[in-house]
């Protein structure tokens, strides 16, 4: 009987650990905020194109490859 009791205690501890982990994870997500969701793909594409020019300039300046 002690083996069954030990097994049941182990299962209960595992369930408790998963519950606590889920609770902590949900707290972190709500406190950090959700990432911004893109509602308009055309606007996202336009912003990406405009930022690519800036990124290329920042990369080429230190290397002197202008």
N, C-alpha and C. Protein backbone atom coordinates (compact mmCIF):
# COMPACT_ATOMS: atom_id res chain seq x y z
N UNK A 1 0.80 -1.21 0.00
CA UNK A 1 0.00 0.00 0.00
C UNK A 1 0.84 1.28 0.00
N UNK A 2 2.04 1.29 0.61
CA UNK A 2 2.80 2.54 0.60
C UNK A 2 3.21 2.95 -0.82
N UNK A 3 3.35 1.98 -1.73
CA UNK A 3 3.72 2.33 -3.10
C UNK A 3 2.58 3.07 -3.80
N UNK A 4 1.36 2.62 -3.57
CA UNK A 4 0.19 3.27 -4.18
C UNK A 4 0.04 4.67 -3.63
N UNK A 5 0.22 4.81 -2.33
CA UNK A 5 0.11 6.12 -1.70
C UNK A 5 1.20 7.06 -2.23
N UNK A 6 2.41 6.56 -2.38
CA UNK A 6 3.50 7.37 -2.92
C UNK A 6 3.24 7.78 -4.36
N UNK A 7 2.66 6.85 -5.13
CA UNK A 7 2.32 7.16 -6.51
C UNK A 7 1.25 8.25 -6.58
N UNK A 8 0.22 8.13 -5.76
CA UNK A 8 -0.85 9.13 -5.76
C UNK A 8 -0.34 10.50 -5.31
N UNK A 9 0.52 10.51 -4.32
CA UNK A 9 1.10 11.78 -3.87
C UNK A 9 1.94 12.39 -4.99
N UNK A 10 2.70 11.58 -5.70
CA UNK A 10 3.51 12.06 -6.83
C UNK A 10 2.65 12.65 -7.93
N UNK A 11 1.55 11.98 -8.24
CA UNK A 11 0.64 12.48 -9.28
C UNK A 11 0.03 13.81 -8.84
N UNK A 12 -0.39 13.89 -7.60
CA UNK A 12 -0.98 15.14 -7.11
C UNK A 12 0.05 16.28 -7.11
N UNK A 13 1.28 15.99 -6.73
CA UNK A 13 2.32 17.02 -6.76
C UNK A 13 2.61 17.48 -8.19
N UNK A 14 2.60 16.55 -9.14
CA UNK A 14 2.83 16.92 -10.54
C UNK A 14 1.71 17.81 -11.05
N UNK A 15 0.47 17.47 -10.72
CA UNK A 15 -0.67 18.30 -11.13
C UNK A 15 -0.58 19.67 -10.49
N UNK A 16 -0.22 19.74 -9.24
CA UNK A 16 -0.07 21.02 -8.55
C UNK A 16 1.03 21.85 -9.18
N UNK A 17 2.15 21.23 -9.53
CA UNK A 17 3.26 21.95 -10.15
C UNK A 17 2.85 22.52 -11.50
N UNK A 18 2.12 21.74 -12.30
CA UNK A 18 1.65 22.23 -13.60
C UNK A 18 0.66 23.38 -13.44
N UNK A 19 -0.20 23.29 -12.44
CA UNK A 19 -1.16 24.36 -12.18
C UNK A 19 -0.43 25.65 -11.79
N UNK A 20 0.53 25.55 -10.91
CA UNK A 20 1.29 26.72 -10.47
C UNK A 20 2.07 27.31 -11.63
N UNK A 21 2.68 26.47 -12.45
CA UNK A 21 3.43 26.97 -13.61
C UNK A 21 2.51 27.71 -14.57
N UNK A 22 1.33 27.17 -14.84
CA UNK A 22 0.37 27.84 -15.71
C UNK A 22 -0.07 29.17 -15.13
N UNK A 23 -0.27 29.22 -13.83
CA UNK A 23 -0.68 30.47 -13.19
C UNK A 23 0.43 31.52 -13.30
N UNK A 24 1.66 31.12 -13.05
CA UNK A 24 2.78 32.06 -13.13
C UNK A 24 2.97 32.53 -14.57
N UNK A 25 2.88 31.63 -15.52
CA UNK A 25 3.04 31.99 -16.92
C UNK A 25 1.97 32.97 -17.36
N UNK A 26 0.73 32.78 -16.94
CA UNK A 26 -0.34 33.70 -17.34
C UNK A 26 -0.14 35.07 -16.70
N UNK A 27 0.40 35.11 -15.49
CA UNK A 27 0.70 36.39 -14.84
C UNK A 27 1.78 37.14 -15.59
N UNK A 28 2.80 36.45 -16.05
CA UNK A 28 3.89 37.09 -16.79
C UNK A 28 3.38 37.66 -18.11
N UNK A 29 2.53 36.92 -18.80
CA UNK A 29 2.02 37.37 -20.09
C UNK A 29 1.16 38.61 -19.93
N UNK A 30 0.34 38.65 -18.90
CA UNK A 30 -0.53 39.81 -18.73
C UNK A 30 0.26 41.02 -18.24
N UNK A 31 1.31 40.80 -17.45
CA UNK A 31 2.07 41.94 -16.95
C UNK A 31 3.00 42.50 -18.02
N UNK A 32 3.51 41.65 -18.90
CA UNK A 32 4.41 42.11 -19.96
C UNK A 32 3.63 42.73 -21.11
N UNK A 33 2.36 42.46 -21.20
CA UNK A 33 1.56 42.97 -22.29
C UNK A 33 1.66 42.06 -23.50
N UNK A 34 0.67 42.15 -24.32
CA UNK A 34 0.66 41.32 -25.52
C UNK A 34 1.39 42.04 -26.64
N UNK A 35 2.03 41.28 -27.52
CA UNK A 35 2.67 41.93 -28.66
C UNK A 35 1.63 42.58 -29.55
N UNK A 36 2.04 43.62 -30.24
CA UNK A 36 1.10 44.35 -31.08
C UNK A 36 0.67 43.46 -32.24
N UNK A 37 -0.62 43.38 -32.45
CA UNK A 37 -1.16 42.56 -33.53
C UNK A 37 -1.34 43.42 -34.77
N UNK A 38 -0.98 42.87 -35.91
CA UNK A 38 -1.09 43.59 -37.16
C UNK A 38 -2.48 43.36 -37.73
N UNK A 39 -3.25 44.44 -37.87
CA UNK A 39 -4.60 44.32 -38.38
C UNK A 39 -4.64 44.59 -39.88
N UNK A 40 -3.72 45.40 -40.38
CA UNK A 40 -3.72 45.77 -41.79
C UNK A 40 -2.40 45.34 -42.40
N UNK A 41 -2.43 44.32 -43.24
CA UNK A 41 -1.19 43.79 -43.80
C UNK A 41 -0.54 44.76 -44.77
N UNK A 42 -1.34 45.61 -45.45
CA UNK A 42 -0.77 46.60 -46.36
C UNK A 42 0.04 47.63 -45.59
N UNK A 43 -0.47 48.06 -44.46
CA UNK A 43 0.25 49.02 -43.63
C UNK A 43 1.53 48.39 -43.09
N UNK A 44 1.46 47.12 -42.70
CA UNK A 44 2.65 46.44 -42.20
C UNK A 44 3.71 46.33 -43.29
N UNK A 45 3.29 46.01 -44.51
CA UNK A 45 4.25 45.91 -45.63
C UNK A 45 4.88 47.27 -45.91
N UNK A 46 4.09 48.32 -45.85
CA UNK A 46 4.62 49.67 -46.09
C UNK A 46 5.64 50.05 -45.02
N UNK A 47 5.35 49.76 -43.78
CA UNK A 47 6.29 50.08 -42.69
C UNK A 47 7.56 49.25 -42.81
N UNK A 48 7.44 48.01 -43.24
CA UNK A 48 8.61 47.17 -43.42
C UNK A 48 9.50 47.72 -44.52
N UNK A 49 8.90 48.12 -45.64
CA UNK A 49 9.69 48.68 -46.74
C UNK A 49 10.39 49.96 -46.31
N UNK A 50 9.72 50.79 -45.54
CA UNK A 50 10.34 52.05 -45.12
C UNK A 50 11.47 51.81 -44.13
N UNK A 51 11.35 50.78 -43.32
CA UNK A 51 12.42 50.50 -42.35
C UNK A 51 13.61 49.80 -42.99
N UNK A 52 13.40 49.12 -44.11
CA UNK A 52 14.51 48.43 -44.78
C UNK A 52 15.57 49.42 -45.26
N UNK A 53 15.14 50.56 -45.78
CA UNK A 53 16.10 51.59 -46.21
C UNK A 53 16.95 52.07 -45.05
N UNK A 54 16.33 52.30 -43.93
CA UNK A 54 17.05 52.76 -42.74
C UNK A 54 18.04 51.69 -42.27
N UNK A 55 17.62 50.46 -42.30
CA UNK A 55 18.50 49.38 -41.85
C UNK A 55 19.71 49.26 -42.78
N UNK A 56 19.48 49.36 -44.09
CA UNK A 56 20.59 49.27 -45.04
C UNK A 56 21.59 50.41 -44.82
N UNK A 57 21.07 51.62 -44.56
CA UNK A 57 21.96 52.76 -44.30
C UNK A 57 22.79 52.52 -43.05
N UNK A 58 22.16 52.02 -42.00
CA UNK A 58 22.87 51.79 -40.74
C UNK A 58 23.93 50.70 -40.88
N UNK A 59 23.70 49.74 -41.75
CA UNK A 59 24.66 48.66 -41.95
C UNK A 59 25.85 49.16 -42.78
N UNK A 60 25.58 49.94 -43.82
CA UNK A 60 26.63 50.36 -44.72
C UNK A 60 27.51 51.46 -44.14
N UNK A 61 26.99 52.29 -43.26
CA UNK A 61 27.78 53.37 -42.68
C UNK A 61 29.01 52.87 -41.94
N UNK A 62 28.89 51.92 -41.01
CA UNK A 62 30.09 51.49 -40.30
C UNK A 62 31.09 50.73 -41.18
N UNK A 63 30.58 50.07 -42.23
CA UNK A 63 31.49 49.28 -43.06
C UNK A 63 32.12 50.11 -44.17
N UNK A 64 31.53 51.28 -44.48
CA UNK A 64 32.06 52.13 -45.53
C UNK A 64 31.79 51.61 -46.91
N UNK A 65 30.70 50.86 -47.07
CA UNK A 65 30.37 50.29 -48.37
C UNK A 65 29.34 51.12 -49.13
N UNK A 66 29.20 52.37 -48.87
CA UNK A 66 28.20 53.21 -49.55
C UNK A 66 28.49 53.33 -51.01
